[in-house]
C-alpha atoms as a PDB file:
ATOM      1  CA  MET A   1     116.787  60.329 109.182  1.00  0.00           C
ATOM      2  CA  LEU A   2     113.680  60.360 111.351  1.00  0.00           C
ATOM      3  CA  PHE A   3     115.017  57.534 113.486  1.00  0.00           C
ATOM      4  CA  SER A   4     118.360  59.332 113.893  1.00  0.00           C
ATOM      5  CA  PHE A   5     116.568  62.525 114.916  1.00  0.00           C
ATOM      6  CA  ARG A   6     114.550  60.677 117.545  1.00  0.00           C
ATOM      7  CA  ARG A   7     117.663  59.032 118.975  1.00  0.00           C
ATOM      8  CA  ASP A   8     119.389  62.401 119.134  1.00  0.00           C
ATOM      9  CA  ALA A   9     116.424  63.891 120.971  1.00  0.00           C
ATOM     10  CA  LEU A  10     116.374  60.910 123.348  1.00  0.00           C
ATOM     11  CA  VAL A  11     120.051  61.386 124.171  1.00  0.00           C
ATOM     12  CA  GLU A  12     119.462  65.061 124.960  1.00  0.00           C
ATOM     13  CA  GLU A  13     116.472  64.256 127.152  1.00  0.00           C
ATOM     14  CA  LEU A  14     118.434  61.644 129.094  1.00  0.00           C
ATOM     15  CA  ALA A  15     121.323  64.083 129.592  1.00  0.00           C
ATOM     16  CA  ALA A  16     118.901  66.686 130.929  1.00  0.00           C
ATOM     17  CA  LEU A  17     117.395  64.375 133.559  1.00  0.00           C
ATOM     18  CA  PRO A  18     118.090  65.488 137.135  1.00  0.00           C
ATOM     19  CA  VAL A  19     120.221  63.377 139.401  1.00  0.00           C
ATOM     20  CA  GLY A  20     118.505  60.950 141.733  1.00  0.00           C
ATOM     21  CA  PRO A  21     117.240  61.814 145.197  1.00  0.00           C
ATOM     22  CA  GLY A  22     119.903  62.176 147.830  1.00  0.00           C
ATOM     23  CA  ARG A  23     122.621  62.960 145.286  1.00  0.00           C
ATOM     24  CA  ARG A  24     124.131  66.351 144.566  1.00  0.00           C
ATOM     25  CA  SER A  25     125.061  67.499 141.101  1.00  0.00           C
ATOM     26  CA  PRO A  26     128.767  68.256 140.498  1.00  0.00           C
ATOM     27  CA  TRP A  27     128.000  71.994 140.419  1.00  0.00           C
ATOM     28  CA  ALA A  28     126.159  71.834 143.749  1.00  0.00           C
ATOM     29  CA  ASP A  29     129.036  69.868 145.255  1.00  0.00           C
ATOM     30  CA  ALA A  30     131.561  72.393 143.954  1.00  0.00           C
ATOM     31  CA  ARG A  31     129.464  75.278 145.313  1.00  0.00           C
ATOM     32  CA  ARG A  32     129.369  73.635 148.735  1.00  0.00           C
ATOM     33  CA  ARG A  33     133.166  73.227 148.837  1.00  0.00           C
ATOM     34  CA  PHE A  34     133.705  76.786 147.605  1.00  0.00           C
ATOM     35  CA  LEU A  35     131.468  78.204 150.342  1.00  0.00           C
ATOM     36  CA  HIS A  36     133.534  76.310 152.917  1.00  0.00           C
ATOM     37  CA  ASN A  37     136.673  78.121 151.740  1.00  0.00           C
ATOM     38  CA  LYS A  38     136.695  81.175 154.010  1.00  0.00           C
ATOM     39  CA  ALA A  39     139.471  83.002 152.151  1.00  0.00           C
ATOM     40  CA  ALA A  40     137.698  82.610 148.801  1.00  0.00           C
ATOM     41  CA  VAL A  41     134.310  83.674 150.185  1.00  0.00           C
ATOM     42  CA  ALA A  42     135.826  86.695 151.951  1.00  0.00           C
ATOM     43  CA  SER A  43     137.668  87.655 148.752  1.00  0.00           C
ATOM     44  CA  LEU A  44     134.448  87.350 146.755  1.00  0.00           C
ATOM     45  CA  ALA A  45     132.656  89.616 149.245  1.00  0.00           C
ATOM     46  CA  VAL A  46     135.432  92.216 149.101  1.00  0.00           C
ATOM     47  CA  LEU A  47     135.523  92.075 145.294  1.00  0.00           C
ATOM     48  CA  LEU A  48     131.763  92.547 145.080  1.00  0.00           C
ATOM     49  CA  LEU A  49     132.024  95.502 147.458  1.00  0.00           C
ATOM     50  CA  ILE A  50     134.765  97.129 145.364  1.00  0.00           C
ATOM     51  CA  THR A  51     132.750  96.521 142.196  1.00  0.00           C
ATOM     52  CA  LEU A  52     129.622  98.012 143.758  1.00  0.00           C
ATOM     53  CA  LEU A  53     131.513 101.068 144.993  1.00  0.00           C
ATOM     54  CA  CYS A  54     133.096 101.622 141.584  1.00  0.00           C
ATOM     55  CA  ALA A  55     129.724 101.229 139.868  1.00  0.00           C
ATOM     56  CA  VAL A  56     127.572 103.512 142.014  1.00  0.00           C
ATOM     57  CA  GLY A  57     130.064 105.542 144.056  1.00  0.00           C
ATOM     58  CA  PRO A  58     130.861 108.241 141.471  1.00  0.00           C
ATOM     59  CA  THR A  59     127.138 108.878 140.919  1.00  0.00           C
ATOM     60  CA  ILE A  60     126.308 109.509 144.587  1.00  0.00           C
ATOM     61  CA  LEU A  61     129.431 111.371 145.720  1.00  0.00           C
ATOM     62  CA  PRO A  62     129.203 115.171 145.428  1.00  0.00           C
ATOM     63  CA  ASN A  63     132.465 115.675 143.526  1.00  0.00           C
ATOM     64  CA  ALA A  64     133.016 114.900 139.848  1.00  0.00           C
ATOM     65  CA  PHE A  65     136.126 112.974 138.889  1.00  0.00           C
ATOM     66  CA  ASP A  66     137.363 115.707 136.531  1.00  0.00           C
ATOM     67  CA  SER A  67     136.309 118.819 138.469  1.00  0.00           C
ATOM     68  CA  THR A  68     139.129 120.874 139.960  1.00  0.00           C
ATOM     69  CA  ASP A  69     139.158 122.736 143.261  1.00  0.00           C
ATOM     70  CA  TRP A  70     142.000 125.255 143.096  1.00  0.00           C
ATOM     71  CA  ASP A  71     141.545 126.053 146.794  1.00  0.00           C
ATOM     72  CA  ALA A  72     142.118 122.410 147.812  1.00  0.00           C
ATOM     73  CA  MET A  73     145.153 121.322 145.800  1.00  0.00           C
ATOM     74  CA  LYS A  74     147.202 118.485 147.351  1.00  0.00           C
ATOM     75  CA  LEU A  75     144.811 118.336 150.279  1.00  0.00           C
ATOM     76  CA  PRO A  76     145.662 115.385 152.592  1.00  0.00           C
ATOM     77  CA  PRO A  77     143.000 112.794 153.511  1.00  0.00           C
ATOM     78  CA  THR A  78     140.567 114.126 156.093  1.00  0.00           C
ATOM     79  CA  LEU A  79     137.050 113.512 157.363  1.00  0.00           C
ATOM     80  CA  HIS A  80     136.384 117.212 157.972  1.00  0.00           C
ATOM     81  CA  ASN A  81     135.480 118.011 154.359  1.00  0.00           C
ATOM     82  CA  MET A  82     134.168 116.220 151.303  1.00  0.00           C
ATOM     83  CA  HIS A  83     137.642 115.111 150.128  1.00  0.00           C
ATOM     84  CA  TRP A  84     137.951 112.000 152.311  1.00  0.00           C
ATOM     85  CA  TRP A  85     140.922 110.563 150.393  1.00  0.00           C
ATOM     86  CA  GLY A  86     142.480 113.945 149.708  1.00  0.00           C
ATOM     87  CA  THR A  87     143.036 115.638 146.367  1.00  0.00           C
ATOM     88  CA  ASP A  88     145.684 115.560 143.670  1.00  0.00           C
ATOM     89  CA  GLU A  89     147.929 118.362 142.439  1.00  0.00           C
ATOM     90  CA  SER A  90     144.999 119.831 140.447  1.00  0.00           C
ATOM     91  CA  GLY A  91     142.537 119.748 143.336  1.00  0.00           C
ATOM     92  CA  ARG A  92     140.541 116.779 141.974  1.00  0.00           C
ATOM     93  CA  ASP A  93     138.931 114.463 144.493  1.00  0.00           C
ATOM     94  CA  LEU A  94     141.040 111.293 144.764  1.00  0.00           C
ATOM     95  CA  LEU A  95     138.254 109.044 146.066  1.00  0.00           C
ATOM     96  CA  VAL A  96     136.029 109.687 143.071  1.00  0.00           C
ATOM     97  CA  ARG A  97     138.948 109.310 140.688  1.00  0.00           C
ATOM     98  CA  CYS A  98     139.909 105.969 142.254  1.00  0.00           C
ATOM     99  CA  LEU A  99     136.334 104.705 141.890  1.00  0.00           C
ATOM    100  CA  VAL A 100     136.080 105.883 138.271  1.00  0.00           C
ATOM    101  CA  GLY A 101     139.504 104.418 137.558  1.00  0.00           C
ATOM    102  CA  GLY A 102     138.405 101.135 139.102  1.00  0.00           C
ATOM    103  CA  ARG A 103     135.304 101.133 136.919  1.00  0.00           C
ATOM    104  CA  ILE A 104     137.460 101.493 133.796  1.00  0.00           C
ATOM    105  CA  SER A 105     140.028  98.910 134.902  1.00  0.00           C
ATOM    106  CA  LEU A 106     137.362  96.365 135.830  1.00  0.00           C
ATOM    107  CA  MET A 107     135.480  96.936 132.574  1.00  0.00           C
ATOM    108  CA  VAL A 108     138.658  96.428 130.551  1.00  0.00           C
ATOM    109  CA  GLY A 109     139.447  93.313 132.561  1.00  0.00           C
ATOM    110  CA  LEU A 110     135.960  91.863 132.146  1.00  0.00           C
ATOM    111  CA  LEU A 111     135.493  92.632 128.441  1.00  0.00           C
ATOM    112  CA  ALA A 112     138.985  91.567 127.387  1.00  0.00           C
ATOM    113  CA  THR A 113     138.704  88.389 129.460  1.00  0.00           C
ATOM    114  CA  LEU A 114     135.317  87.439 128.001  1.00  0.00           C
ATOM    115  CA  ALA A 115     136.624  88.006 124.478  1.00  0.00           C
ATOM    116  CA  SER A 116     139.821  86.034 125.115  1.00  0.00           C
ATOM    117  CA  VAL A 117     137.880  83.198 126.765  1.00  0.00           C
ATOM    118  CA  ALA A 118     135.513  82.958 123.798  1.00  0.00           C
ATOM    119  CA  VAL A 119     138.388  82.891 121.299  1.00  0.00           C
ATOM    120  CA  GLY A 120     140.413  80.474 123.413  1.00  0.00           C
ATOM    121  CA  ILE A 121     137.523  78.038 123.854  1.00  0.00           C
ATOM    122  CA  ALA A 122     136.649  78.012 120.166  1.00  0.00           C
ATOM    123  CA  TRP A 123     140.285  77.631 119.091  1.00  0.00           C
ATOM    124  CA  GLY A 124     141.332  75.041 121.663  1.00  0.00           C
ATOM    125  CA  ALA A 125     138.194  72.899 121.451  1.00  0.00           C
ATOM    126  CA  THR A 126     138.303  72.828 117.649  1.00  0.00           C
ATOM    127  CA  ALA A 127     141.996  71.924 117.545  1.00  0.00           C
ATOM    128  CA  GLY A 128     141.723  69.250 120.222  1.00  0.00           C
ATOM    129  CA  PHE A 129     138.591  67.602 118.850  1.00  0.00           C
ATOM    130  CA  ILE A 130     139.526  67.522 115.161  1.00  0.00           C
ATOM    131  CA  GLY A 131     143.152  66.584 115.801  1.00  0.00           C
ATOM    132  CA  GLY A 132     145.591  65.582 113.086  1.00  0.00           C
ATOM    133  CA  ARG A 133     147.032  68.231 110.801  1.00  0.00           C
ATOM    134  CA  THR A 134     144.413  70.758 111.857  1.00  0.00           C
ATOM    135  CA  ASP A 135     145.463  70.430 115.488  1.00  0.00           C
ATOM    136  CA  ALA A 136     149.154  70.626 114.563  1.00  0.00           C
ATOM    137  CA  PHE A 137     148.665  73.751 112.450  1.00  0.00           C
ATOM    138  CA  MET A 138     146.485  75.548 114.990  1.00  0.00           C
ATOM    139  CA  MET A 139     148.739  74.828 117.952  1.00  0.00           C
ATOM    140  CA  ARG A 140     151.924  75.715 116.032  1.00  0.00           C
ATOM    141  CA  PHE A 141     150.280  79.076 115.381  1.00  0.00           C
ATOM    142  CA  VAL A 142     149.758  79.425 119.137  1.00  0.00           C
ATOM    143  CA  ASP A 143     153.412  78.517 119.758  1.00  0.00           C
ATOM    144  CA  MET A 144     154.450  81.152 117.225  1.00  0.00           C
ATOM    145  CA  MET A 145     152.324  83.734 119.053  1.00  0.00           C
ATOM    146  CA  TYR A 146     153.968  82.757 122.340  1.00  0.00           C
ATOM    147  CA  ALA A 147     157.374  83.501 120.826  1.00  0.00           C
ATOM    148  CA  ILE A 148     156.383  87.151 120.283  1.00  0.00           C
ATOM    149  CA  PRO A 149     156.918  89.447 123.320  1.00  0.00           C
ATOM    150  CA  TYR A 150     153.375  89.993 124.566  1.00  0.00           C
ATOM    151  CA  LEU A 151     153.765  93.405 126.166  1.00  0.00           C
ATOM    152  CA  LEU A 152     155.824  94.750 123.287  1.00  0.00           C
ATOM    153  CA  ILE A 153     153.190  93.783 120.723  1.00  0.00           C
ATOM    154  CA  ALA A 154     150.421  95.177 122.940  1.00  0.00           C
ATOM    155  CA  ILE A 155     152.301  98.476 123.078  1.00  0.00           C
ATOM    156  CA  LEU A 156     152.723  98.472 119.289  1.00  0.00           C
ATOM    157  CA  LEU A 157     149.034  97.678 118.728  1.00  0.00           C
ATOM    158  CA  VAL A 158     147.913 100.455 121.060  1.00  0.00           C
ATOM    159  CA  THR A 159     150.342 102.874 119.397  1.00  0.00           C
ATOM    160  CA  VAL A 160     149.144 101.972 115.888  1.00  0.00           C
ATOM    161  CA  LEU A 161     145.417 101.491 116.514  1.00  0.00           C
ATOM    162  CA  GLY A 162     144.943 104.266 119.028  1.00  0.00           C
ATOM    163  CA  ARG A 163     144.289 104.638 122.734  1.00  0.00           C
ATOM    164  CA  GLU A 164     140.511 104.568 122.849  1.00  0.00           C
ATOM    165  CA  PHE A 165     138.832 102.272 125.372  1.00  0.00           C
ATOM    166  CA  TYR A 166     137.709  99.617 122.900  1.00  0.00           C
ATOM    167  CA  LEU A 167     141.080  99.658 121.104  1.00  0.00           C
ATOM    168  CA  VAL A 168     142.848  98.932 124.386  1.00  0.00           C
ATOM    169  CA  VAL A 169     140.480  95.985 124.911  1.00  0.00           C
ATOM    170  CA  ILE A 170     141.210  94.658 121.402  1.00  0.00           C
ATOM    171  CA  ALA A 171     144.973  95.029 121.868  1.00  0.00           C
ATOM    172  CA  ILE A 172     144.915  93.103 125.152  1.00  0.00           C
ATOM    173  CA  THR A 173     142.563  90.422 123.794  1.00  0.00           C
ATOM    174  CA  ALA A 174     144.816  89.790 120.795  1.00  0.00           C
ATOM    175  CA  PHE A 175     147.395  88.070 123.001  1.00  0.00           C
ATOM    176  CA  SER A 176     145.485  86.951 126.112  1.00  0.00           C
ATOM    177  CA  TRP A 177     143.520  84.017 124.617  1.00  0.00           C
ATOM    178  CA  MET A 178     146.416  81.615 124.097  1.00  0.00           C
ATOM    179  CA  ASP A 179     146.583  80.180 127.625  1.00  0.00           C
ATOM    180  CA  MET A 180     142.873  79.394 127.503  1.00  0.00           C
ATOM    181  CA  ALA A 181     143.283  77.762 124.088  1.00  0.00           C
ATOM    182  CA  ARG A 182     146.026  75.442 125.317  1.00  0.00           C
ATOM    183  CA  VAL A 183     144.121  74.454 128.450  1.00  0.00           C
ATOM    184  CA  VAL A 184     140.890  73.793 126.543  1.00  0.00           C
ATOM    185  CA  ARG A 185     142.739  71.833 123.869  1.00  0.00           C
ATOM    186  CA  GLY A 186     144.331  69.574 126.483  1.00  0.00           C
ATOM    187  CA  GLN A 187     140.999  68.901 128.163  1.00  0.00           C
ATOM    188  CA  THR A 188     139.304  68.282 124.820  1.00  0.00           C
ATOM    189  CA  LEU A 189     141.879  65.626 123.908  1.00  0.00           C
ATOM    190  CA  SER A 190     140.826  63.628 126.967  1.00  0.00           C
ATOM    191  CA  LEU A 191     137.100  64.177 126.400  1.00  0.00           C
ATOM    192  CA  ARG A 192     136.863  63.275 122.716  1.00  0.00           C
ATOM    193  CA  SER A 193     137.335  59.576 123.494  1.00  0.00           C
ATOM    194  CA  MET A 194     134.616  59.516 126.160  1.00  0.00           C
ATOM    195  CA  GLU A 195     131.508  57.393 125.699  1.00  0.00           C
ATOM    196  CA  PHE A 196     129.053  60.272 125.333  1.00  0.00           C
ATOM    197  CA  VAL A 197     131.123  61.749 122.492  1.00  0.00           C
ATOM    198  CA  GLN A 198     131.314  58.384 120.742  1.00  0.00           C
ATOM    199  CA  ALA A 199     127.567  57.950 121.191  1.00  0.00           C
ATOM    200  CA  ALA A 200     126.911  61.386 119.676  1.00  0.00           C
ATOM    201  CA  ARG A 201     129.094  60.508 116.717  1.00  0.00           C
ATOM    202  CA  ALA A 202     127.326  57.169 116.274  1.00  0.00           C
ATOM    203  CA  ILE A 203     123.904  58.789 115.969  1.00  0.00           C
ATOM    204  CA  GLY A 204     125.147  61.306 113.417  1.00  0.00           C
ATOM    205  CA  VAL A 205     125.523  64.520 115.430  1.00  0.00           C
ATOM    206  CA  SER A 206     127.569  67.088 113.482  1.00  0.00           C
ATOM    207  CA  THR A 207     131.094  67.968 114.610  1.00  0.00           C
ATOM    208  CA  PRO A 208     130.336  71.633 115.541  1.00  0.00           C
ATOM    209  CA  ARG A 209     127.356  70.492 117.601  1.00  0.00           C
ATOM    210  CA  ILE A 210     129.427  67.885 119.418  1.00  0.00           C
ATOM    211  CA  ILE A 211     132.164  70.435 120.161  1.00  0.00           C
ATOM    212  CA  PHE A 212     129.952  73.253 121.407  1.00  0.00           C
ATOM    213  CA  GLY A 213     126.986  71.219 122.620  1.00  0.00           C
ATOM    214  CA  HIS A 214     128.696  68.307 124.361  1.00  0.00           C
ATOM    215  CA  VAL A 215     132.424  68.920 124.828  1.00  0.00           C
ATOM    216  CA  VAL A 216     132.512  72.605 125.801  1.00  0.00           C
ATOM    217  CA  PRO A 217     129.797  72.293 128.515  1.00  0.00           C
ATOM    218  CA  ASN A 218     131.964  69.652 130.205  1.00  0.00           C
ATOM    219  CA  LEU A 219     134.844  72.122 130.291  1.00  0.00           C
ATOM    220  CA  LEU A 220     133.001  74.865 132.158  1.00  0.00           C
ATOM    221  CA  GLY A 221     134.674  74.071 135.460  1.00  0.00           C
ATOM    222  CA  VAL A 222     138.159  74.488 133.998  1.00  0.00           C
ATOM    223  CA  VAL A 223     137.031  77.552 132.021  1.00  0.00           C
ATOM    224  CA  VAL A 224     135.673  79.256 135.142  1.00  0.00           C
ATOM    225  CA  ILE A 225     138.907  78.622 137.042  1.00  0.00           C
ATOM    226  CA  TYR A 226     141.152  79.983 134.306  1.00  0.00           C
ATOM    227  CA  THR A 227     138.839  82.938 133.744  1.00  0.00           C
ATOM    228  CA  THR A 228     139.452  84.099 137.319  1.00  0.00           C
ATOM    229  CA  VAL A 229     143.177  83.750 136.630  1.00  0.00           C
ATOM    230  CA  THR A 230     142.944  85.696 133.356  1.00  0.00           C
ATOM    231  CA  VAL A 231     141.066  88.701 134.757  1.00  0.00           C
ATOM    232  CA  PRO A 232     143.832  89.931 137.119  1.00  0.00           C
ATOM    233  CA  GLY A 233     146.433  89.457 134.375  1.00  0.00           C
ATOM    234  CA  VAL A 234     144.357  91.572 131.986  1.00  0.00           C
ATOM    235  CA  ILE A 235     143.796  94.272 134.606  1.00  0.00           C
ATOM    236  CA  LEU A 236     147.518  94.326 135.361  1.00  0.00           C
ATOM    237  CA  THR A 237     148.340  94.588 131.642  1.00  0.00           C
ATOM    238  CA  GLU A 238     145.972  97.540 131.246  1.00  0.00           C
ATOM    239  CA  SER A 239     147.525  99.160 134.311  1.00  0.00           C
ATOM    240  CA  VAL A 240     151.029  98.722 132.870  1.00  0.00           C
ATOM    241  CA  LEU A 241     149.964 100.230 129.537  1.00  0.00           C
ATOM    242  CA  SER A 242     148.291 103.142 131.307  1.00  0.00           C
ATOM    243  CA  PHE A 243     151.302 103.565 133.586  1.00  0.00           C
ATOM    244  CA  LEU A 244     153.479 103.879 130.475  1.00  0.00           C
ATOM    245  CA  GLY A 245     151.077 106.446 129.023  1.00  0.00           C
ATOM    246  CA  LEU A 246     149.806 104.077 126.310  1.00  0.00           C
ATOM    247  CA  GLY A 247     146.472 103.046 127.820  1.00  0.00           C
ATOM    248  CA  ILE A 248     143.478 105.055 128.967  1.00  0.00           C
ATOM    249  CA  GLN A 249     143.963 108.766 128.325  1.00  0.00           C
ATOM    250  CA  GLU A 250     142.692 111.934 129.988  1.00  0.00           C
ATOM    251  CA  PRO A 251     140.092 113.039 130.822  1.00  0.00           C
ATOM    252  CA  MET A 252     139.262 109.393 131.638  1.00  0.00           C
ATOM    253  CA  THR A 253     141.374 107.595 134.173  1.00  0.00           C
ATOM    254  CA  SER A 254     142.232 104.125 135.446  1.00  0.00           C
ATOM    255  CA  TRP A 255     144.229 102.675 138.308  1.00  0.00           C
ATOM    256  CA  GLY A 256     147.320 102.559 136.095  1.00  0.00           C
ATOM    257  CA  VAL A 257     146.972 106.251 135.244  1.00  0.00           C
ATOM    258  CA  LEU A 258     146.491 107.164 138.913  1.00  0.00           C
ATOM    259  CA  ILE A 259     149.516 105.106 139.972  1.00  0.00           C
ATOM    260  CA  HIS A 260     151.581 106.816 137.267  1.00  0.00           C
ATOM    261  CA  ASP A 261     150.461 110.217 138.519  1.00  0.00           C
ATOM    262  CA  GLY A 262     151.180 109.184 142.099  1.00  0.00           C
ATOM    263  CA  THR A 263     154.748 108.085 141.401  1.00  0.00           C
ATOM    264  CA  ASN A 264     155.561 111.549 140.073  1.00  0.00           C
ATOM    265  CA  VAL A 265     154.681 113.208 143.386  1.00  0.00           C
ATOM    266  CA  MET A 266     155.025 110.295 145.810  1.00  0.00           C
ATOM    267  CA  GLU A 267     157.334 112.174 148.169  1.00  0.00           C
ATOM    268  CA  GLU A 268     155.159 115.267 148.343  1.00  0.00           C
ATOM    269  CA  VAL A 269     151.685 113.708 147.958  1.00  0.00           C
ATOM    270  CA  PRO A 270     152.046 110.024 149.023  1.00  0.00           C
ATOM    271  CA  TRP A 271     148.295 109.369 149.210  1.00  0.00           C
ATOM    272  CA  MET A 272     148.031 109.772 145.427  1.00  0.00           C
ATOM    273  CA  LEU A 273     150.042 106.551 145.110  1.00  0.00           C
ATOM    274  CA  LEU A 274     148.812 104.776 148.231  1.00  0.00           C
ATOM    275  CA  PHE A 275     145.069 104.622 147.555  1.00  0.00           C
ATOM    276  CA  PRO A 276     144.986 103.546 143.876  1.00  0.00           C
ATOM    277  CA  GLY A 277     147.869 101.130 144.511  1.00  0.00           C
ATOM    278  CA  ALA A 278     145.999  99.612 147.443  1.00  0.00           C
ATOM    279  CA  MET A 279     142.768  99.208 145.446  1.00  0.00           C
ATOM    280  CA  LEU A 280     144.624  97.545 142.566  1.00  0.00           C
ATOM    281  CA  SER A 281     146.521  95.212 144.895  1.00  0.00           C
ATOM    282  CA  ILE A 282     143.417  94.220 146.866  1.00  0.00           C
ATOM    283  CA  THR A 283     141.493  93.498 143.655  1.00  0.00           C
ATOM    284  CA  LEU A 284     144.277  91.309 142.261  1.00  0.00           C
ATOM    285  CA  TYR A 285     144.584  89.418 145.549  1.00  0.00           C
ATOM    286  CA  CYS A 286     140.819  88.843 145.616  1.00  0.00           C
ATOM    287  CA  PHE A 287     140.845  87.328 142.135  1.00  0.00           C
ATOM    288  CA  ASN A 288     143.770  85.085 143.064  1.00  0.00           C
ATOM    289  CA  PHE A 289     142.064  83.791 146.217  1.00  0.00           C
ATOM    290  CA  ILE A 290     138.813  83.239 144.315  1.00  0.00           C
ATOM    291  CA  GLY A 291     140.720  81.316 141.648  1.00  0.00           C
ATOM    292  CA  ASP A 292     142.355  79.125 144.300  1.00  0.00           C
ATOM    293  CA  GLY A 293     138.951  78.484 145.863  1.00  0.00           C
ATOM    294  CA  LEU A 294     137.404  77.520 142.529  1.00  0.00           C
ATOM    295  CA  ARG A 295     140.341  75.243 141.732  1.00  0.00           C
ATOM    296  CA  ASP A 296     139.885  73.403 145.024  1.00  0.00           C
ATOM    297  CA  ALA A 297     136.103  73.277 144.550  1.00  0.00           C
ATOM    298  CA  PHE A 298     136.316  71.684 141.120  1.00  0.00           C
ATOM    299  CA  ASP A 299     139.219  69.376 141.967  1.00  0.00           C
ATOM    300  CA  PRO A 300     137.952  65.766 141.696  1.00  0.00           C
ATOM    301  CA  LYS A 301     140.407  64.706 144.426  1.00  0.00           C
ATOM    302  CA  GLU A 302     138.482  66.848 146.912  1.00  0.00           C
ATOM    303  CA  ARG A 303     135.160  65.109 146.315  1.00  0.00           C
END
């Protein structure tokens, strides 16, 4: 047992050694290629700006997102007063409401994505590494989940569980982890026959430690790419639920709620639909360009 422990420690020390002089690590190489992708870098800058504005904007602007100004109802966008993006039919400042709505939509997207990524990694890596009947059972369960209409079940879950913020996150997470599970499982099938996995098995490393200590770290590139793809899908799902009146409820708001409100008065107050729709579209485009940039950066053919 002592000899096995020492060999295990030696393997970990060798794996932690830095690469030789003059050589870049795979992560440094991927970062270099990503920074050379102008569309991805510009999208990342715009996304960070939107995130920063949504995080700090409502706290520094003079108007509250739920305060009404009965003397400024349906005010068009103007720079001559404090309602730069105009007001809605209740006199509430549209700029602040868009920033607060973006904060909620981004939080739902981030939390639901992190939860779905964690579940998908654990499920897919376990199924792919163990294989056999366990793999068949776990992946048939995923296939069965795919057969269920995703949006319909999300609507039912939100209707049954409630429309609180965390319940919306749970409802979206319940069906957004399956793509990650299938991708991770496919990658794990190719990694479990690699030499470092066989070496870990030979020196007696436990199966959970091999999965989460050796296999999963080698999947981080694929996980990062698919995470950027999952986030816009989750944000869009939350927007659809809110648009249907089944997501975030008043007095809170989100981009889906604002778009729903804007469609009701789009002919009379078009800016109520234009601004939240533009922010949602720009955010989704940014995530897509970032995902394309990460895919190219981690593509072995580009090295």
